[in-house]
Amino acid sequence: MQKLLEGYRRFRSRAWPEQRRLFESLASEGQRPETLVLACIDSRVDPAMIFGARPGEILTVRNVANLVPPYAPDVSYHGTSAALEFGVRVLGVRHILVLGHGLCGGVMALLNGAPENARDFVAPWMSMAEPARAEALRCPTPEARQQCAEQEVVKLSLRNLLTFPWIAEPVAAGSLRLHGAWFAVDSGVLRLLHDDGSFAPAEAGSG
């Protein structure tokens, strides 16, 4: 907790004076992010840092392995689905980006089985990604299977997004766009999902 408080003090002394007007504007006028980023909870993958986003620019939803469950409006608890509904139907975001990443622990649990002390929720949560696991098992090495599964989870989540009628309809109308990407923790390279199913590096400046 002490580290968090030290970080807060740095924020108040350095960042707050520079961004005070921005925060005041967001407080008085509300938020209007154009993009919802659905990412993993992994502490090494911060969407705001990767995309250089300022407060108010992106709506971030994070869960284990950046998974989108299928549309299921029932009496169960649906944190990710509720966040999607808020972003799409209330805030009117124009883009949804599913951001996968390398070295994903959730995908490791999918491929190798969840640790014994993470089977109450992690194991059943990752079971929805079984199609990604089946595809990855075709790869020859553990490293290739891991990366393949991470990228297949992105594709699976994008397919599941289209099971939500209030996402599928604006996508069909062209007012909402879906995107997929995968971030390599060890190199910092972002790969974008293309229409042919491949992931290719995004262009980056030399600076």
N, C-alpha and C. Protein backbone atom coordinates (compact mmCIF):
# COMPACT_ATOMS: atom_id res chain seq x y z
N MET A 1 0.82 -1.21 0.00
CA MET A 1 0.00 0.00 0.00
C MET A 1 0.86 1.27 0.00
N GLN A 2 2.01 1.19 0.65
CA GLN A 2 2.88 2.35 0.72
C GLN A 2 3.34 2.80 -0.66
N LYS A 3 3.64 1.81 -1.53
CA LYS A 3 4.05 2.15 -2.89
C LYS A 3 2.93 2.86 -3.65
N LEU A 4 1.71 2.41 -3.42
CA LEU A 4 0.58 3.05 -4.08
C LEU A 4 0.43 4.50 -3.62
N LEU A 5 0.59 4.72 -2.34
CA LEU A 5 0.47 6.08 -1.82
C LEU A 5 1.59 6.97 -2.32
N GLU A 6 2.79 6.41 -2.44
CA GLU A 6 3.90 7.18 -3.00
C GLU A 6 3.60 7.57 -4.45
N GLY A 7 3.02 6.61 -5.19
CA GLY A 7 2.64 6.91 -6.57
C GLY A 7 1.56 7.98 -6.64
N TYR A 8 0.61 7.93 -5.71
CA TYR A 8 -0.43 8.95 -5.67
C TYR A 8 0.16 10.33 -5.40
N ARG A 9 1.12 10.37 -4.50
CA ARG A 9 1.76 11.67 -4.19
C ARG A 9 2.48 12.22 -5.41
N ARG A 10 3.13 11.35 -6.17
CA ARG A 10 3.79 11.81 -7.41
C ARG A 10 2.74 12.31 -8.40
N PHE A 11 1.63 11.59 -8.48
CA PHE A 11 0.54 12.03 -9.37
C PHE A 11 0.05 13.41 -8.98
N ARG A 12 -0.18 13.65 -7.69
CA ARG A 12 -0.70 14.94 -7.24
C ARG A 12 0.29 16.07 -7.46
N SER A 13 1.58 15.76 -7.31
CA SER A 13 2.58 16.82 -7.42
C SER A 13 3.01 17.08 -8.86
N ARG A 14 2.93 16.06 -9.73
CA ARG A 14 3.44 16.22 -11.10
C ARG A 14 2.33 16.16 -12.15
N ALA A 15 1.61 15.06 -12.19
CA ALA A 15 0.63 14.86 -13.26
C ALA A 15 -0.62 15.72 -13.07
N TRP A 16 -1.11 15.82 -11.82
CA TRP A 16 -2.35 16.56 -11.60
C TRP A 16 -2.27 18.01 -12.05
N PRO A 17 -1.23 18.76 -11.69
CA PRO A 17 -1.19 20.16 -12.15
C PRO A 17 -1.23 20.27 -13.67
N GLU A 18 -0.59 19.32 -14.37
CA GLU A 18 -0.56 19.37 -15.83
C GLU A 18 -1.90 18.99 -16.45
N GLN A 19 -2.64 18.10 -15.78
CA GLN A 19 -3.88 17.58 -16.37
C GLN A 19 -5.14 18.00 -15.61
N ARG A 20 -4.98 18.99 -14.76
CA ARG A 20 -6.11 19.39 -13.94
C ARG A 20 -7.30 19.82 -14.79
N ARG A 21 -7.05 20.61 -15.82
CA ARG A 21 -8.16 21.09 -16.64
C ARG A 21 -8.85 19.93 -17.36
N LEU A 22 -8.07 18.95 -17.78
CA LEU A 22 -8.66 17.78 -18.42
C LEU A 22 -9.59 17.05 -17.47
N PHE A 23 -9.13 16.80 -16.25
CA PHE A 23 -9.97 16.11 -15.27
C PHE A 23 -11.21 16.92 -14.92
N GLU A 24 -11.05 18.22 -14.79
CA GLU A 24 -12.20 19.08 -14.50
C GLU A 24 -13.22 19.02 -15.63
N SER A 25 -12.73 18.99 -16.87
CA SER A 25 -13.62 18.89 -18.02
C SER A 25 -14.35 17.54 -18.03
N LEU A 26 -13.62 16.47 -17.73
CA LEU A 26 -14.23 15.15 -17.68
C LEU A 26 -15.27 15.06 -16.57
N ALA A 27 -15.01 15.76 -15.48
CA ALA A 27 -15.96 15.75 -14.37
C ALA A 27 -17.23 16.53 -14.70
N SER A 28 -17.09 17.65 -15.39
CA SER A 28 -18.24 18.50 -15.67
C SER A 28 -19.01 18.07 -16.92
N GLU A 29 -18.30 17.55 -17.91
CA GLU A 29 -18.93 17.21 -19.18
C GLU A 29 -19.14 15.71 -19.37
N GLY A 30 -18.54 14.91 -18.52
CA GLY A 30 -18.69 13.46 -18.64
C GLY A 30 -17.68 12.86 -19.60
N GLN A 31 -17.68 11.54 -19.67
CA GLN A 31 -16.73 10.84 -20.53
C GLN A 31 -17.37 10.49 -21.87
N ARG A 32 -16.55 10.56 -22.93
CA ARG A 32 -17.02 10.20 -24.26
C ARG A 32 -15.93 9.42 -25.00
N PRO A 33 -15.49 8.31 -24.44
CA PRO A 33 -14.45 7.53 -25.13
C PRO A 33 -14.98 6.95 -26.44
N GLU A 34 -14.13 6.92 -27.45
CA GLU A 34 -14.53 6.35 -28.74
C GLU A 34 -14.24 4.86 -28.82
N THR A 35 -13.33 4.38 -27.97
CA THR A 35 -12.88 2.99 -28.06
C THR A 35 -12.99 2.28 -26.73
N LEU A 36 -13.49 1.07 -26.78
CA LEU A 36 -13.48 0.17 -25.63
C LEU A 36 -12.40 -0.88 -25.88
N VAL A 37 -11.44 -0.99 -24.98
CA VAL A 37 -10.38 -1.99 -25.09
C VAL A 37 -10.66 -3.09 -24.08
N LEU A 38 -10.80 -4.31 -24.56
CA LEU A 38 -10.99 -5.45 -23.69
C LEU A 38 -9.66 -6.19 -23.59
N ALA A 39 -9.05 -6.14 -22.42
CA ALA A 39 -7.70 -6.66 -22.24
C ALA A 39 -7.64 -7.64 -21.07
N CYS A 40 -6.48 -8.25 -20.91
CA CYS A 40 -6.25 -9.18 -19.81
C CYS A 40 -5.89 -8.41 -18.54
N ILE A 41 -6.08 -9.06 -17.39
CA ILE A 41 -5.73 -8.41 -16.12
C ILE A 41 -4.23 -8.41 -15.87
N ASP A 42 -3.45 -9.06 -16.72
CA ASP A 42 -2.00 -9.17 -16.53
C ASP A 42 -1.39 -7.80 -16.24
N SER A 43 -0.60 -7.71 -15.18
CA SER A 43 -0.03 -6.43 -14.75
C SER A 43 1.00 -5.88 -15.73
N ARG A 44 1.46 -6.71 -16.66
CA ARG A 44 2.47 -6.27 -17.62
C ARG A 44 1.84 -5.65 -18.87
N VAL A 45 0.53 -5.70 -18.97
CA VAL A 45 -0.15 -5.26 -20.19
C VAL A 45 -1.16 -4.17 -19.84
N ASP A 46 -0.72 -2.93 -19.90
CA ASP A 46 -1.55 -1.79 -19.54
C ASP A 46 -2.00 -1.09 -20.83
N PRO A 47 -3.27 -1.21 -21.21
CA PRO A 47 -3.71 -0.60 -22.47
C PRO A 47 -3.43 0.89 -22.56
N ALA A 48 -3.61 1.62 -21.48
CA ALA A 48 -3.38 3.07 -21.52
C ALA A 48 -1.92 3.37 -21.83
N MET A 49 -1.01 2.58 -21.28
CA MET A 49 0.41 2.78 -21.55
C MET A 49 0.76 2.39 -22.98
N ILE A 50 0.26 1.24 -23.42
CA ILE A 50 0.58 0.76 -24.77
C ILE A 50 0.11 1.75 -25.83
N PHE A 51 -1.07 2.33 -25.64
CA PHE A 51 -1.63 3.21 -26.66
C PHE A 51 -1.45 4.69 -26.33
N GLY A 52 -0.74 4.99 -25.25
CA GLY A 52 -0.49 6.38 -24.91
C GLY A 52 -1.77 7.17 -24.71
N ALA A 53 -2.77 6.55 -24.07
CA ALA A 53 -4.08 7.18 -23.93
C ALA A 53 -4.14 8.06 -22.69
N ARG A 54 -4.77 9.20 -22.83
CA ARG A 54 -5.01 10.10 -21.70
C ARG A 54 -6.31 9.72 -21.01
N PRO A 55 -6.53 10.20 -19.79
CA PRO A 55 -7.80 9.93 -19.12
C PRO A 55 -8.99 10.34 -20.00
N GLY A 56 -9.99 9.47 -20.05
CA GLY A 56 -11.18 9.76 -20.83
C GLY A 56 -11.14 9.28 -22.27
N GLU A 57 -9.99 8.80 -22.75
CA GLU A 57 -9.87 8.45 -24.16
C GLU A 57 -10.30 7.01 -24.47
N ILE A 58 -10.03 6.08 -23.57
CA ILE A 58 -10.44 4.70 -23.81
C ILE A 58 -11.16 4.16 -22.59
N LEU A 59 -12.17 3.32 -22.86
CA LEU A 59 -12.86 2.60 -21.80
C LEU A 59 -12.21 1.23 -21.73
N THR A 60 -11.69 0.84 -20.58
CA THR A 60 -10.93 -0.38 -20.46
C THR A 60 -11.69 -1.42 -19.64
N VAL A 61 -11.84 -2.61 -20.21
CA VAL A 61 -12.45 -3.75 -19.54
C VAL A 61 -11.39 -4.84 -19.46
N ARG A 62 -11.14 -5.35 -18.25
CA ARG A 62 -10.07 -6.34 -18.10
C ARG A 62 -10.59 -7.56 -17.34
N ASN A 63 -10.19 -8.72 -17.84
CA ASN A 63 -10.51 -9.98 -17.16
C ASN A 63 -9.41 -10.99 -17.47
N VAL A 64 -9.52 -12.20 -16.97
CA VAL A 64 -8.51 -13.22 -17.23
C VAL A 64 -8.56 -13.61 -18.70
N ALA A 65 -7.45 -13.40 -19.40
CA ALA A 65 -7.24 -13.82 -20.79
C ALA A 65 -8.12 -13.09 -21.78
N ASN A 66 -8.55 -11.87 -21.45
CA ASN A 66 -9.31 -11.02 -22.37
C ASN A 66 -10.41 -11.78 -23.11
N LEU A 67 -11.19 -12.54 -22.36
CA LEU A 67 -12.26 -13.35 -22.94
C LEU A 67 -13.60 -12.62 -22.93
N VAL A 68 -14.33 -12.76 -24.02
CA VAL A 68 -15.71 -12.30 -24.08
C VAL A 68 -16.61 -13.53 -24.04
N PRO A 69 -17.47 -13.65 -23.04
CA PRO A 69 -18.40 -14.78 -23.01
C PRO A 69 -19.51 -14.57 -24.04
N PRO A 70 -20.18 -15.63 -24.46
CA PRO A 70 -21.32 -15.46 -25.36
C PRO A 70 -22.45 -14.69 -24.68
N TYR A 71 -23.28 -14.09 -25.48
CA TYR A 71 -24.45 -13.35 -24.99
C TYR A 71 -25.36 -14.29 -24.21
N ALA A 72 -25.65 -13.95 -22.96
CA ALA A 72 -26.49 -14.80 -22.11
C ALA A 72 -27.19 -13.94 -21.07
N PRO A 73 -28.26 -13.26 -21.45
CA PRO A 73 -28.95 -12.38 -20.50
C PRO A 73 -29.82 -13.17 -19.52
N ASP A 74 -29.21 -13.58 -18.42
CA ASP A 74 -29.93 -14.35 -17.41
C ASP A 74 -29.66 -13.74 -16.04
N VAL A 75 -29.97 -14.47 -14.99
CA VAL A 75 -29.86 -13.91 -13.64
C VAL A 75 -28.45 -14.09 -13.04
N SER A 76 -27.53 -14.68 -13.79
CA SER A 76 -26.16 -14.82 -13.29
C SER A 76 -25.45 -13.47 -13.33
N TYR A 77 -24.26 -13.43 -12.79
CA TYR A 77 -23.47 -12.21 -12.76
C TYR A 77 -22.58 -12.17 -14.00
N HIS A 78 -22.63 -11.09 -14.74
CA HIS A 78 -21.90 -10.99 -16.01
C HIS A 78 -21.13 -9.66 -16.03
N GLY A 79 -19.98 -9.63 -15.39
CA GLY A 79 -19.22 -8.38 -15.31
C GLY A 79 -18.76 -7.87 -16.66
N THR A 80 -18.20 -8.75 -17.48
CA THR A 80 -17.71 -8.34 -18.80
C THR A 80 -18.86 -7.91 -19.69
N SER A 81 -19.93 -8.67 -19.69
CA SER A 81 -21.09 -8.33 -20.52
C SER A 81 -21.72 -7.01 -20.09
N ALA A 82 -21.76 -6.77 -18.78
CA ALA A 82 -22.30 -5.51 -18.28
C ALA A 82 -21.44 -4.33 -18.73
N ALA A 83 -20.13 -4.51 -18.71
CA ALA A 83 -19.22 -3.45 -19.16
C ALA A 83 -19.40 -3.18 -20.65
N LEU A 84 -19.57 -4.24 -21.43
CA LEU A 84 -19.81 -4.07 -22.87
C LEU A 84 -21.12 -3.32 -23.11
N GLU A 85 -22.15 -3.68 -22.38
CA GLU A 85 -23.43 -3.01 -22.54
C GLU A 85 -23.32 -1.53 -22.21
N PHE A 86 -22.62 -1.21 -21.14
CA PHE A 86 -22.44 0.19 -20.76
C PHE A 86 -21.67 0.95 -21.83
N GLY A 87 -20.58 0.33 -22.33
CA GLY A 87 -19.77 1.01 -23.33
C GLY A 87 -20.49 1.22 -24.65
N VAL A 88 -21.20 0.18 -25.10
CA VAL A 88 -21.84 0.24 -26.41
C VAL A 88 -23.17 1.00 -26.36
N ARG A 89 -24.01 0.66 -25.40
CA ARG A 89 -25.38 1.18 -25.41
C ARG A 89 -25.53 2.51 -24.68
N VAL A 90 -24.67 2.74 -23.70
CA VAL A 90 -24.78 3.99 -22.93
C VAL A 90 -23.80 5.04 -23.44
N LEU A 91 -22.52 4.66 -23.56
CA LEU A 91 -21.51 5.63 -23.98
C LEU A 91 -21.39 5.73 -25.50
N GLY A 92 -21.85 4.71 -26.22
CA GLY A 92 -21.82 4.77 -27.67
C GLY A 92 -20.42 4.71 -28.27
N VAL A 93 -19.57 3.83 -27.76
CA VAL A 93 -18.23 3.71 -28.34
C VAL A 93 -18.33 3.33 -29.81
N ARG A 94 -17.34 3.72 -30.58
CA ARG A 94 -17.32 3.45 -32.03
C ARG A 94 -16.44 2.26 -32.39
N HIS A 95 -15.57 1.87 -31.46
CA HIS A 95 -14.64 0.78 -31.73
C HIS A 95 -14.53 -0.11 -30.49
N ILE A 96 -14.39 -1.42 -30.71
CA ILE A 96 -14.05 -2.36 -29.65
C ILE A 96 -12.79 -3.09 -30.09
N LEU A 97 -11.78 -3.05 -29.25
CA LEU A 97 -10.52 -3.74 -29.52
C LEU A 97 -10.32 -4.83 -28.49
N VAL A 98 -10.16 -6.08 -28.95
CA VAL A 98 -9.79 -7.18 -28.07
C VAL A 98 -8.28 -7.31 -28.12
N LEU A 99 -7.63 -7.12 -26.98
CA LEU A 99 -6.16 -7.09 -26.90
C LEU A 99 -5.64 -8.31 -26.16
N GLY A 100 -5.07 -9.26 -26.88
CA GLY A 100 -4.40 -10.39 -26.27
C GLY A 100 -2.93 -10.08 -26.04
N HIS A 101 -2.21 -11.01 -25.42
CA HIS A 101 -0.80 -10.73 -25.16
C HIS A 101 -0.02 -12.02 -24.96
N GLY A 102 1.30 -11.90 -25.07
CA GLY A 102 2.18 -13.03 -24.85
C GLY A 102 2.32 -13.38 -23.38
N LEU A 103 2.71 -14.61 -23.10
CA LEU A 103 2.96 -15.10 -21.74
C LEU A 103 1.70 -15.05 -20.87
N CYS A 104 0.54 -15.22 -21.48
CA CYS A 104 -0.72 -15.09 -20.75
C CYS A 104 -0.93 -16.29 -19.82
N GLY A 105 -1.08 -16.02 -18.53
CA GLY A 105 -1.27 -17.09 -17.55
C GLY A 105 -2.60 -17.80 -17.71
N GLY A 106 -3.63 -17.08 -18.12
CA GLY A 106 -4.92 -17.71 -18.34
C GLY A 106 -4.84 -18.73 -19.48
N VAL A 107 -4.12 -18.38 -20.53
CA VAL A 107 -3.95 -19.31 -21.65
C VAL A 107 -3.08 -20.49 -21.23
N MET A 108 -2.09 -20.25 -20.39
CA MET A 108 -1.30 -21.37 -19.86
C MET A 108 -2.19 -22.35 -19.12
N ALA A 109 -3.14 -21.81 -18.33
CA ALA A 109 -4.09 -22.67 -17.61
C ALA A 109 -4.99 -23.42 -18.58
N LEU A 110 -5.34 -22.78 -19.68
CA LEU A 110 -6.16 -23.42 -20.70
C LEU A 110 -5.43 -24.61 -21.32
N LEU A 111 -4.16 -24.43 -21.60
CA LEU A 111 -3.38 -25.47 -22.28
C LEU A 111 -2.91 -26.57 -21.35
N ASN A 112 -2.54 -26.19 -20.13
CA ASN A 112 -1.90 -27.15 -19.23
C ASN A 112 -2.72 -27.52 -18.01
N GLY A 113 -3.88 -26.90 -17.87
CA GLY A 113 -4.68 -27.13 -16.68
C GLY A 113 -4.43 -26.03 -15.65
N ALA A 114 -5.48 -25.57 -15.01
CA ALA A 114 -5.33 -24.51 -14.01
C ALA A 114 -4.62 -25.04 -12.77
N PRO A 115 -3.84 -24.21 -12.08
CA PRO A 115 -3.24 -24.62 -10.82
C PRO A 115 -4.31 -25.07 -9.83
N GLU A 116 -3.95 -25.92 -8.91
CA GLU A 116 -4.93 -26.45 -7.95
C GLU A 116 -5.63 -25.35 -7.16
N ASN A 117 -4.91 -24.26 -6.90
CA ASN A 117 -5.51 -23.19 -6.11
C ASN A 117 -6.19 -22.13 -6.97
N ALA A 118 -6.46 -22.46 -8.24
CA ALA A 118 -7.17 -21.52 -9.13
C ALA A 118 -8.24 -22.25 -9.95
N ARG A 119 -8.94 -23.14 -9.27
CA ARG A 119 -9.93 -23.95 -9.99
C ARG A 119 -11.37 -23.60 -9.65
N ASP A 120 -11.57 -22.72 -8.68
CA ASP A 120 -12.95 -22.32 -8.38
C ASP A 120 -13.54 -21.50 -9.53
N PHE A 121 -12.74 -20.59 -10.07
CA PHE A 121 -13.24 -19.69 -11.09
C PHE A 121 -12.40 -19.67 -12.36
N VAL A 122 -11.07 -19.73 -12.23
CA VAL A 122 -10.20 -19.65 -13.42
C VAL A 122 -10.46 -20.80 -14.37
N ALA A 123 -10.51 -22.02 -13.84
CA ALA A 123 -10.68 -23.20 -14.71
C ALA A 123 -12.00 -23.15 -15.48
N PRO A 124 -13.16 -22.92 -14.82
CA PRO A 124 -14.40 -22.85 -15.60
C PRO A 124 -14.45 -21.65 -16.54
N TRP A 125 -13.85 -20.54 -16.13
CA TRP A 125 -13.81 -19.36 -17.01
C TRP A 125 -13.06 -19.67 -18.29
N MET A 126 -11.90 -20.31 -18.18
CA MET A 126 -11.09 -20.59 -19.35
C MET A 126 -11.68 -21.70 -20.20
N SER A 127 -12.60 -22.49 -19.66
CA SER A 127 -13.18 -23.59 -20.44
C SER A 127 -13.94 -23.08 -21.66
N MET A 128 -14.40 -21.83 -21.62
CA MET A 128 -15.11 -21.30 -22.79
C MET A 128 -14.17 -21.12 -23.98
N ALA A 129 -12.86 -21.17 -23.74
CA ALA A 129 -11.89 -21.01 -24.82
C ALA A 129 -11.39 -22.35 -25.36
N GLU A 130 -12.11 -23.41 -25.13
CA GLU A 130 -11.70 -24.73 -25.59
C GLU A 130 -11.44 -24.78 -27.11
N PRO A 131 -12.21 -24.08 -27.95
CA PRO A 131 -11.88 -24.08 -29.38
C PRO A 131 -10.48 -23.54 -29.68
N ALA A 132 -10.03 -22.55 -28.89
CA ALA A 132 -8.68 -22.02 -29.08
C ALA A 132 -7.63 -23.05 -28.69
N ARG A 133 -7.91 -23.80 -27.63
CA ARG A 133 -7.00 -24.86 -27.21
C ARG A 133 -6.89 -25.94 -28.28
N ALA A 134 -8.02 -26.34 -28.85
CA ALA A 134 -8.01 -27.37 -29.88
C ALA A 134 -7.19 -26.95 -31.08
N GLU A 135 -7.30 -25.70 -31.46
CA GLU A 135 -6.52 -25.19 -32.60
C GLU A 135 -5.03 -25.16 -32.26
N ALA A 136 -4.70 -24.74 -31.05
CA ALA A 136 -3.30 -24.61 -30.66
C ALA A 136 -2.59 -25.96 -30.56
N LEU A 137 -3.32 -27.00 -30.22
CA LEU A 137 -2.70 -28.33 -30.07
C LEU A 137 -2.14 -28.86 -31.37
N ARG A 138 -2.49 -28.24 -32.48
CA ARG A 138 -1.92 -28.64 -33.76
C ARG A 138 -0.49 -28.15 -33.94
N CYS A 139 -0.07 -27.19 -33.12
CA CYS A 139 1.28 -26.63 -33.25
C CYS A 139 2.32 -27.57 -32.67
N PRO A 140 3.56 -27.55 -33.20
CA PRO A 140 4.56 -28.55 -32.84
C PRO A 140 5.28 -28.34 -31.51
N THR A 141 5.36 -27.09 -31.02
CA THR A 141 6.15 -26.82 -29.82
C THR A 141 5.30 -26.12 -28.77
N PRO A 142 5.69 -26.21 -27.49
CA PRO A 142 4.94 -25.50 -26.44
C PRO A 142 4.86 -24.00 -26.68
N GLU A 143 5.96 -23.41 -27.15
CA GLU A 143 5.97 -21.97 -27.40
C GLU A 143 4.99 -21.59 -28.50
N ALA A 144 4.97 -22.40 -29.56
CA ALA A 144 4.04 -22.13 -30.66
C ALA A 144 2.60 -22.34 -30.23
N ARG A 145 2.36 -23.35 -29.40
CA ARG A 145 1.00 -23.59 -28.92
C ARG A 145 0.52 -22.44 -28.05
N GLN A 146 1.41 -21.91 -27.20
CA GLN A 146 1.04 -20.80 -26.33
C GLN A 146 0.63 -19.57 -27.15
N GLN A 147 1.48 -19.20 -28.10
CA GLN A 147 1.17 -18.00 -28.89
C GLN A 147 -0.07 -18.22 -29.76
N CYS A 148 -0.19 -19.40 -30.34
CA CYS A 148 -1.36 -19.69 -31.16
C CYS A 148 -2.63 -19.59 -30.33
N ALA A 149 -2.63 -20.16 -29.14
CA ALA A 149 -3.82 -20.12 -28.29
C ALA A 149 -4.15 -18.69 -27.88
N GLU A 150 -3.13 -17.89 -27.57
CA GLU A 150 -3.36 -16.49 -27.19
C GLU A 150 -4.05 -15.74 -28.33
N GLN A 151 -3.61 -15.99 -29.54
CA GLN A 151 -4.19 -15.30 -30.68
C GLN A 151 -5.56 -15.87 -31.06
N GLU A 152 -5.73 -17.17 -30.87
CA GLU A 152 -7.04 -17.76 -31.14
C GLU A 152 -8.08 -17.29 -30.13
N VAL A 153 -7.67 -17.00 -28.90
CA VAL A 153 -8.59 -16.45 -27.91
C VAL A 153 -9.11 -15.09 -28.36
N VAL A 154 -8.25 -14.28 -28.96
CA VAL A 154 -8.68 -12.99 -29.50
C VAL A 154 -9.77 -13.20 -30.54
N LYS A 155 -9.55 -14.14 -31.46
CA LYS A 155 -10.54 -14.42 -32.51
C LYS A 155 -11.85 -14.94 -31.91
N LEU A 156 -11.73 -15.80 -30.91
CA LEU A 156 -12.92 -16.33 -30.24
C LEU A 156 -13.73 -15.22 -29.59
N SER A 157 -13.04 -14.32 -28.92
CA SER A 157 -13.73 -13.21 -28.26
C SER A 157 -14.43 -12.32 -29.28
N LEU A 158 -13.81 -12.10 -30.42
CA LEU A 158 -14.44 -11.30 -31.47
C LEU A 158 -15.70 -11.99 -32.00
N ARG A 159 -15.64 -13.31 -32.16
CA ARG A 159 -16.84 -14.04 -32.59
C ARG A 159 -17.94 -13.94 -31.55
N ASN A 160 -17.56 -14.06 -30.28
CA ASN A 160 -18.56 -13.97 -29.21
C ASN A 160 -19.18 -12.59 -29.12
N LEU A 161 -18.42 -11.56 -29.45
CA LEU A 161 -18.99 -10.21 -29.45
C LEU A 161 -20.19 -10.12 -30.39
N LEU A 162 -20.13 -10.82 -31.49
CA LEU A 162 -21.20 -10.76 -32.47
C LEU A 162 -22.44 -11.54 -32.06
N THR A 163 -22.37 -12.26 -30.94
CA THR A 163 -23.58 -12.91 -30.41
C THR A 163 -24.45 -11.91 -29.64
N PHE A 164 -23.91 -10.73 -29.32
CA PHE A 164 -24.68 -9.69 -28.65
C PHE A 164 -25.46 -8.91 -29.71
N PRO A 165 -26.78 -8.92 -29.69
CA PRO A 165 -27.54 -8.25 -30.76
C PRO A 165 -27.24 -6.77 -30.87
N TRP A 166 -27.02 -6.11 -29.73
CA TRP A 166 -26.76 -4.67 -29.78
C TRP A 166 -25.29 -4.36 -30.10
N ILE A 167 -24.51 -5.39 -30.39
CA ILE A 167 -23.19 -5.22 -31.00
C ILE A 167 -23.25 -5.61 -32.48
N ALA A 168 -23.89 -6.74 -32.76
CA ALA A 168 -23.97 -7.22 -34.14
C ALA A 168 -24.69 -6.21 -35.04
N GLU A 169 -25.75 -5.58 -34.53
CA GLU A 169 -26.52 -4.66 -35.36
C GLU A 169 -25.72 -3.42 -35.77
N PRO A 170 -25.08 -2.71 -34.83
CA PRO A 170 -24.28 -1.56 -35.27
C PRO A 170 -23.04 -1.96 -36.08
N VAL A 171 -22.51 -3.15 -35.84
CA VAL A 171 -21.40 -3.61 -36.68
C VAL A 171 -21.88 -3.78 -38.12
N ALA A 172 -23.04 -4.40 -38.30
CA ALA A 172 -23.60 -4.58 -39.64
C ALA A 172 -23.91 -3.24 -40.30
N ALA A 173 -24.32 -2.28 -39.49
CA ALA A 173 -24.66 -0.96 -40.02
C ALA A 173 -23.43 -0.09 -40.27
N GLY A 174 -22.27 -0.51 -39.76
CA GLY A 174 -21.04 0.25 -39.97
C GLY A 174 -20.76 1.33 -38.95
N SER A 175 -21.59 1.40 -37.90
CA SER A 175 -21.38 2.44 -36.88
C SER A 175 -20.51 1.96 -35.72
N LEU A 176 -20.20 0.67 -35.70
CA LEU A 176 -19.31 0.10 -34.67
C LEU A 176 -18.36 -0.85 -35.37
N ARG A 177 -17.08 -0.77 -35.03
CA ARG A 177 -16.07 -1.62 -35.66
C ARG A 177 -15.36 -2.45 -34.60
N LEU A 178 -15.08 -3.70 -34.93
CA LEU A 178 -14.38 -4.62 -34.03
C LEU A 178 -12.97 -4.84 -34.54
N HIS A 179 -12.02 -4.92 -33.59
CA HIS A 179 -10.61 -5.09 -33.93
C HIS A 179 -9.97 -6.11 -32.99
N GLY A 180 -8.93 -6.76 -33.46
CA GLY A 180 -8.16 -7.67 -32.62
C GLY A 180 -6.68 -7.33 -32.69
N ALA A 181 -5.98 -7.55 -31.58
CA ALA A 181 -4.55 -7.28 -31.54
C ALA A 181 -3.90 -8.19 -30.50
N TRP A 182 -2.60 -8.33 -30.61
CA TRP A 182 -1.82 -9.17 -29.69
C TRP A 182 -0.51 -8.45 -29.40
N PHE A 183 -0.17 -8.33 -28.10
CA PHE A 183 1.00 -7.57 -27.66
C PHE A 183 2.06 -8.51 -27.11
N ALA A 184 3.28 -8.39 -27.62
CA ALA A 184 4.40 -9.20 -27.14
C ALA A 184 5.07 -8.49 -25.97
N VAL A 185 4.97 -9.07 -24.79
CA VAL A 185 5.52 -8.44 -23.59
C VAL A 185 7.03 -8.29 -23.69
N ASP A 186 7.71 -9.29 -24.25
CA ASP A 186 9.18 -9.28 -24.26
C ASP A 186 9.77 -8.29 -25.25
N SER A 187 9.04 -7.95 -26.33
CA SER A 187 9.59 -7.06 -27.34
C SER A 187 8.84 -5.74 -27.47
N GLY A 188 7.64 -5.67 -26.90
CA GLY A 188 6.84 -4.46 -27.02
C GLY A 188 6.18 -4.29 -28.37
N VAL A 189 6.20 -5.32 -29.20
CA VAL A 189 5.60 -5.24 -30.54
C VAL A 189 4.12 -5.56 -30.47
N LEU A 190 3.32 -4.72 -31.11
CA LEU A 190 1.88 -4.93 -31.21
C LEU A 190 1.57 -5.50 -32.59
N ARG A 191 0.83 -6.60 -32.60
CA ARG A 191 0.41 -7.20 -33.87
C ARG A 191 -1.10 -7.06 -34.01
N LEU A 192 -1.53 -6.65 -35.20
CA LEU A 192 -2.94 -6.43 -35.48
C LEU A 192 -3.51 -7.60 -36.26
N LEU A 193 -4.75 -7.96 -35.93
CA LEU A 193 -5.43 -9.03 -36.63
C LEU A 193 -5.98 -8.53 -37.95
N HIS A 194 -5.66 -9.26 -39.02
CA HIS A 194 -6.12 -8.89 -40.36
C HIS A 194 -7.27 -9.79 -40.79
N ASP A 195 -7.91 -9.41 -41.88
CA ASP A 195 -9.10 -10.13 -42.34
C ASP A 195 -8.81 -11.59 -42.68
N ASP A 196 -7.56 -11.90 -43.06
CA ASP A 196 -7.22 -13.28 -43.42
C ASP A 196 -6.90 -14.14 -42.20
N GLY A 197 -7.04 -13.57 -40.99
CA GLY A 197 -6.79 -14.31 -39.76
C GLY A 197 -5.37 -14.24 -39.25
N SER A 198 -4.50 -13.54 -39.96
CA SER A 198 -3.11 -13.42 -39.53
C SER A 198 -2.92 -12.19 -38.64
N PHE A 199 -1.87 -12.22 -37.84
CA PHE A 199 -1.48 -11.09 -37.00
C PHE A 199 -0.18 -10.51 -37.55
N ALA A 200 -0.19 -9.23 -37.91
CA ALA A 200 0.99 -8.59 -38.48
C ALA A 200 1.36 -7.38 -37.63
N PRO A 201 2.67 -7.08 -37.52
CA PRO A 201 3.10 -5.94 -36.70
C PRO A 201 2.48 -4.63 -37.14
N ALA A 202 2.04 -3.85 -36.16
CA ALA A 202 1.56 -2.51 -36.45
C ALA A 202 2.75 -1.62 -36.75
N GLU A 203 2.55 -0.63 -37.58
CA GLU A 203 3.63 0.30 -37.90
C GLU A 203 3.95 1.12 -36.65
N ALA A 204 5.24 1.31 -36.42
CA ALA A 204 5.68 2.10 -35.27
C ALA A 204 6.80 3.02 -35.71
N GLY A 205 6.80 4.24 -35.20
CA GLY A 205 7.84 5.17 -35.52
C GLY A 205 9.16 4.80 -34.86
N SER A 206 10.24 5.34 -35.36
CA SER A 206 11.57 5.03 -34.80
C SER A 206 11.77 5.64 -33.45
N GLY A 207 10.98 6.67 -33.13
CA GLY A 207 11.14 7.34 -31.84
C GLY A 207 10.51 6.57 -30.72
